[in-house]
Amino acid sequence: KGVKEVSSPSGYELVSTLLIPSDEKIQHVLKQWPLPPRPAGTPPAFVIVFLLPSTASGAPRLHLLLRFERDFSKDEGMEPRDLKVFDSLIEQSSAANSTFAADRIKILPFIVHGANWVTCKLVNNQPGLICAALETEQFNGPNYTEIDIDVEGFKAGAFAVLAKKILDIVRPKVATLVIDLAFMEQGNEESELPERIIAVARLMKLNLSTSKPTDPARKNYMPSRWSSSGERSTPRSKKSRLSGNFSWRGPS
């Protein structure tokens, strides 16, 4: 326990994104914006929703949604015990009325481009338990686990102070930054280790002033592989993998 080691490849793949404007904060986004039809027997989707503040006075709030789907090809070569640990945590996360994922979700950011070394030193390789700093809620449906993270919902405590400092630095510059985000669930017991990256996403110069589907700033790329220590290991390929935007129908 406490020993950092290289993580296996992430168990989920980023498949689509959605940026939703709304005058009011939306809780349980997938209740209003249902998932598209999926094949029978497909494991529950893992969905992260960042509740963002308005970009200007009178402008709507924004909800940045990242949808991940299970990719069993990433399990190849894993130790059977490690895979069993990962599957167990995911199963507990997807149980009805569970808050397991919201209570344990950690984020590992890495600024790839657009920031000076001072900002990178402050942000990069700093894993954090999100619920220790920000209001975090979980909503489970028949085919998804949704975790809502309120970027303005700061809690009390030292980690919340650090998180606010980081967000205050990064938020005004987000349209010029390339940021990798890795998500994992914290293992609290020896039997829940090693921690494995659940999913990764790369935000490319995110333009929060628009939510048009054609906005090129909303394109999302898969970053190179990560280790659980926050150090980036050698990527399998230098080519980024592009995913498209959501083709969901909105609420009527």
Protein backbone atom coordinates (compact mmCIF):
# COMPACT_ATOMS: atom_id res chain seq x y z
CA LYS A 1 0.00 0.00 0.00
CA GLY A 2 1.35 3.45 -0.87
CA VAL A 3 3.60 2.06 -3.60
CA LYS A 4 3.13 3.71 -7.00
CA GLU A 5 3.27 1.51 -10.05
CA VAL A 6 2.42 1.68 -13.73
CA SER A 7 -1.29 1.27 -14.39
CA SER A 8 -2.70 -1.15 -16.92
CA PRO A 9 -4.29 0.55 -19.95
CA SER A 10 -7.57 2.26 -19.15
CA GLY A 11 -10.56 -0.07 -19.05
CA TYR A 12 -12.88 2.35 -20.85
CA GLU A 13 -12.63 4.30 -24.10
CA LEU A 14 -13.86 7.84 -24.73
CA VAL A 15 -16.51 7.51 -27.43
CA SER A 16 -18.32 10.85 -27.48
CA THR A 17 -18.78 14.23 -25.84
CA LEU A 18 -21.52 16.77 -25.36
CA LEU A 19 -21.53 20.41 -24.23
CA ILE A 20 -24.97 21.38 -22.92
CA PRO A 21 -25.99 24.99 -22.19
CA SER A 22 -28.75 25.56 -19.65
CA ASP A 23 -30.05 28.51 -17.65
CA GLU A 24 -30.26 26.24 -14.61
CA LYS A 25 -27.86 23.66 -13.25
CA ILE A 26 -28.89 20.23 -14.53
CA GLN A 27 -28.65 17.33 -12.13
CA HIS A 28 -28.77 13.82 -13.55
CA VAL A 29 -28.11 14.89 -17.13
CA LEU A 30 -28.79 11.47 -18.65
CA LYS A 31 -32.35 11.61 -17.36
CA GLN A 32 -32.96 14.51 -19.75
CA TRP A 33 -30.49 13.47 -22.44
CA PRO A 34 -30.86 9.67 -22.67
CA LEU A 35 -28.13 7.48 -24.06
CA PRO A 36 -28.52 6.37 -27.68
CA PRO A 37 -29.61 2.75 -28.27
CA ARG A 38 -26.90 0.25 -27.32
CA PRO A 39 -26.56 -3.49 -28.02
CA ALA A 40 -28.10 -5.82 -25.46
CA GLY A 41 -25.64 -6.98 -22.83
CA THR A 42 -23.38 -3.94 -23.21
CA PRO A 43 -21.74 -3.02 -19.87
CA PRO A 44 -22.96 0.22 -18.30
CA ALA A 45 -21.45 3.37 -19.77
CA PHE A 46 -19.25 5.46 -17.47
CA VAL A 47 -20.20 9.12 -17.79
CA ILE A 48 -18.45 12.14 -16.26
CA VAL A 49 -20.31 15.47 -16.24
CA PHE A 50 -18.52 18.70 -15.32
CA LEU A 51 -20.98 21.40 -14.22
CA LEU A 52 -19.28 24.58 -15.39
CA PRO A 53 -20.03 28.22 -14.55
CA SER A 54 -21.34 30.72 -17.09
CA THR A 55 -18.69 32.20 -19.36
CA ALA A 56 -20.23 35.69 -19.10
CA SER A 57 -22.95 37.58 -17.28
CA GLY A 58 -26.33 36.42 -18.54
CA ALA A 59 -24.83 33.45 -20.38
CA PRO A 60 -26.12 29.94 -19.62
CA ARG A 61 -24.32 27.43 -17.46
CA LEU A 62 -22.49 24.71 -19.35
CA HIS A 63 -22.39 20.97 -18.73
CA LEU A 64 -19.43 19.16 -20.27
CA LEU A 65 -20.26 15.48 -20.62
CA LEU A 66 -17.71 12.76 -21.36
CA ARG A 67 -19.08 9.34 -22.21
CA PHE A 68 -16.86 6.27 -21.89
CA GLU A 69 -17.61 2.68 -22.90
CA ARG A 70 -15.95 -0.52 -21.67
CA ASP A 71 -13.11 -1.73 -23.90
CA PHE A 72 -12.28 -5.34 -23.08
CA SER A 73 -9.34 -5.34 -25.50
CA LYS A 74 -7.47 -3.23 -22.92
CA ASP A 75 -7.61 -6.17 -20.47
CA GLU A 76 -5.18 -8.22 -22.53
CA GLY A 77 -2.10 -9.18 -20.55
CA MET A 78 -3.51 -8.14 -17.17
CA GLU A 79 -2.99 -10.29 -14.10
CA PRO A 80 -6.25 -12.15 -13.35
CA ARG A 81 -6.29 -10.81 -9.78
CA ASP A 82 -5.84 -7.21 -10.94
CA LEU A 83 -8.65 -7.57 -13.45
CA LYS A 84 -10.89 -9.06 -10.77
CA VAL A 85 -10.19 -6.05 -8.52
CA PHE A 86 -11.07 -3.61 -11.31
CA ASP A 87 -14.26 -5.44 -12.25
CA SER A 88 -15.32 -5.56 -8.59
CA LEU A 89 -14.95 -1.80 -8.16
CA ILE A 90 -16.88 -1.12 -11.37
CA GLU A 91 -19.63 -3.52 -10.31
CA GLN A 92 -20.00 -1.74 -6.96
CA SER A 93 -20.11 1.59 -8.79
CA SER A 94 -22.97 0.52 -11.06
CA ALA A 95 -25.20 -0.96 -8.35
CA ALA A 96 -28.58 0.72 -7.90
CA ASN A 97 -28.48 3.78 -5.61
CA SER A 98 -24.72 3.43 -5.25
CA THR A 99 -22.51 6.44 -4.50
CA PHE A 100 -19.38 4.31 -4.66
CA ALA A 101 -17.90 6.00 -7.73
CA ALA A 102 -18.71 9.53 -6.57
CA ASP A 103 -17.08 8.82 -3.21
CA ARG A 104 -13.91 7.41 -4.76
CA ILE A 105 -13.38 9.03 -8.15
CA LYS A 106 -9.94 10.58 -8.51
CA ILE A 107 -8.68 12.85 -11.26
CA LEU A 108 -5.14 13.06 -12.58
CA PRO A 109 -4.55 16.13 -14.79
CA PHE A 110 -1.64 16.81 -17.11
CA ILE A 111 -1.25 20.00 -19.16
CA VAL A 112 0.31 18.96 -22.45
CA HIS A 113 0.49 22.34 -24.16
CA GLY A 114 -0.23 26.02 -23.61
CA ALA A 115 0.93 26.71 -20.05
CA ASN A 116 4.17 27.96 -18.51
CA TRP A 117 6.29 25.71 -16.35
CA VAL A 118 5.00 27.24 -13.11
CA THR A 119 1.41 26.30 -13.97
CA CYS A 120 2.48 22.87 -15.19
CA LYS A 121 4.37 22.23 -11.97
CA LEU A 122 1.29 23.16 -9.94
CA VAL A 123 -1.16 21.10 -12.00
CA ASN A 124 0.65 18.14 -13.52
CA ASN A 125 0.83 14.78 -11.80
CA GLN A 126 -1.33 15.95 -8.89
CA PRO A 127 -3.95 13.22 -8.35
CA GLY A 128 -6.86 14.21 -6.16
CA LEU A 129 -9.99 12.69 -4.66
CA ILE A 130 -12.61 14.89 -6.30
CA CYS A 131 -15.26 14.62 -3.58
CA ALA A 132 -12.75 15.96 -1.04
CA ALA A 133 -12.75 19.30 -2.85
CA LEU A 134 -15.91 19.58 -4.96
CA GLU A 135 -19.57 18.68 -4.67
CA THR A 136 -19.91 15.34 -6.43
CA GLU A 137 -23.10 13.36 -7.09
CA GLN A 138 -23.79 9.99 -8.66
CA PHE A 139 -26.82 8.85 -10.64
CA ASN A 140 -27.16 5.28 -11.88
CA GLY A 141 -29.48 4.13 -14.62
CA PRO A 142 -30.09 0.74 -16.23
CA ASN A 143 -27.19 1.23 -18.63
CA TYR A 144 -24.95 3.91 -17.15
CA THR A 145 -23.12 5.34 -14.16
CA GLU A 146 -23.18 9.15 -14.18
CA ILE A 147 -20.93 11.25 -11.96
CA ASP A 148 -21.69 14.98 -11.76
CA ILE A 149 -18.87 17.27 -10.62
CA ASP A 150 -19.79 20.85 -9.73
CA VAL A 151 -16.72 22.94 -10.56
CA GLU A 152 -18.08 25.79 -8.41
CA GLY A 153 -19.14 23.61 -5.49
CA PHE A 154 -16.04 23.93 -3.33
CA LYS A 155 -15.91 22.28 0.07
CA ALA A 156 -13.87 23.29 3.11
CA GLY A 157 -10.38 21.91 3.63
CA ALA A 158 -6.81 22.16 2.39
CA PHE A 159 -7.38 20.12 -0.76
CA ALA A 160 -10.37 22.28 -1.72
CA VAL A 161 -8.19 25.38 -1.35
CA LEU A 162 -5.57 23.84 -3.64
CA ALA A 163 -8.22 22.76 -6.15
CA LYS A 164 -9.69 26.26 -6.24
CA LYS A 165 -6.24 27.75 -6.80
CA ILE A 166 -5.61 25.39 -9.70
CA LEU A 167 -9.03 26.03 -11.28
CA ASP A 168 -8.66 29.80 -10.92
CA ILE A 169 -5.39 29.58 -12.85
CA VAL A 170 -6.53 27.13 -15.53
CA ARG A 171 -10.13 28.24 -16.20
CA PRO A 172 -9.37 31.60 -17.90
CA LYS A 173 -6.85 29.89 -20.17
CA VAL A 174 -8.76 26.72 -21.03
CA ALA A 175 -9.30 27.83 -24.66
CA THR A 176 -5.52 27.83 -25.18
CA LEU A 177 -4.66 24.65 -23.28
CA VAL A 178 -4.35 20.98 -24.19
CA ILE A 179 -5.14 19.01 -21.04
CA ASP A 180 -5.11 15.27 -20.43
CA LEU A 181 -7.47 13.99 -17.75
CA ALA A 182 -7.27 10.51 -16.25
CA PHE A 183 -9.93 9.10 -13.93
CA MET A 184 -9.63 6.23 -11.47
CA GLU A 185 -11.32 4.94 -8.33
CA GLN A 186 -9.42 5.09 -5.08
CA GLY A 187 -8.53 1.79 -3.48
CA ASN A 188 -8.96 2.06 0.29
CA GLU A 189 -7.91 -1.47 1.18
CA GLU A 190 -5.06 -3.74 0.16
CA SER A 191 -7.62 -5.96 -1.56
CA GLU A 192 -8.66 -3.01 -3.77
CA LEU A 193 -5.18 -2.41 -5.15
CA PRO A 194 -3.63 -1.79 -7.60
CA GLU A 195 -5.64 1.18 -8.85
CA ARG A 196 -6.30 1.05 -12.57
CA ILE A 197 -7.11 4.01 -14.79
CA ILE A 198 -10.80 3.81 -15.68
CA ALA A 199 -10.77 6.30 -18.53
CA VAL A 200 -8.78 9.10 -20.12
CA ALA A 201 -9.69 12.14 -22.19
CA ARG A 202 -7.80 14.98 -23.85
CA LEU A 203 -9.40 18.42 -23.95
CA MET A 204 -8.11 20.34 -26.96
CA LYS A 205 -8.34 24.12 -26.48
CA LEU A 206 -11.90 23.84 -25.24
CA ASN A 207 -14.04 26.75 -26.42
CA LEU A 208 -16.65 27.22 -23.71
CA SER A 209 -18.19 30.25 -25.41
CA THR A 210 -20.06 28.02 -27.85
CA SER A 211 -21.87 24.71 -27.77
CA LYS A 212 -22.28 24.29 -31.52
CA PRO A 213 -21.68 20.69 -32.68
CA THR A 214 -19.35 21.95 -35.43
CA ASP A 215 -17.00 23.74 -33.03
CA PRO A 216 -13.55 22.19 -33.68
CA ALA A 217 -12.50 22.97 -30.09
CA ARG A 218 -14.90 20.25 -28.91
CA LYS A 219 -13.02 17.44 -30.64
CA ASN A 220 -11.56 14.98 -28.15
CA TYR A 221 -8.42 12.93 -28.56
CA MET A 222 -7.23 9.89 -26.66
CA PRO A 223 -3.97 10.68 -24.85
CA SER A 224 -1.01 8.39 -24.45
CA ARG A 225 -1.02 5.77 -21.71
CA TRP A 226 -0.79 6.79 -18.08
CA SER A 227 0.66 5.26 -14.98
CA SER A 228 -1.09 5.34 -11.63
CA SER A 229 1.75 7.48 -10.29
CA GLY A 230 0.84 10.26 -12.71
CA GLU A 231 3.91 9.78 -14.87
CA ARG A 232 3.15 9.21 -18.51
CA SER A 233 4.56 5.99 -19.91
CA THR A 234 5.71 5.42 -23.47
CA PRO A 235 2.70 5.66 -25.82
CA ARG A 236 1.89 2.79 -28.14
CA SER A 237 1.38 5.18 -31.00
CA LYS A 238 1.99 8.87 -31.60
CA LYS A 239 -1.24 9.18 -33.54
CA SER A 240 -4.13 10.66 -31.62
CA ARG A 241 -7.45 8.85 -31.83
CA LEU A 242 -10.34 11.10 -32.72
CA SER A 243 -13.86 10.62 -31.43
CA GLY A 244 -16.91 12.45 -32.72
CA ASN A 245 -19.62 14.43 -31.01
CA PHE A 246 -22.80 12.98 -29.55
CA SER A 247 -25.68 12.23 -31.89
CA TRP A 248 -28.20 12.14 -29.06
CA ARG A 249 -31.67 13.59 -29.26
CA GLY A 250 -32.33 16.27 -26.71
CA PRO A 251 -35.34 16.31 -24.42
CA SER A 252 -38.57 17.26 -26.16
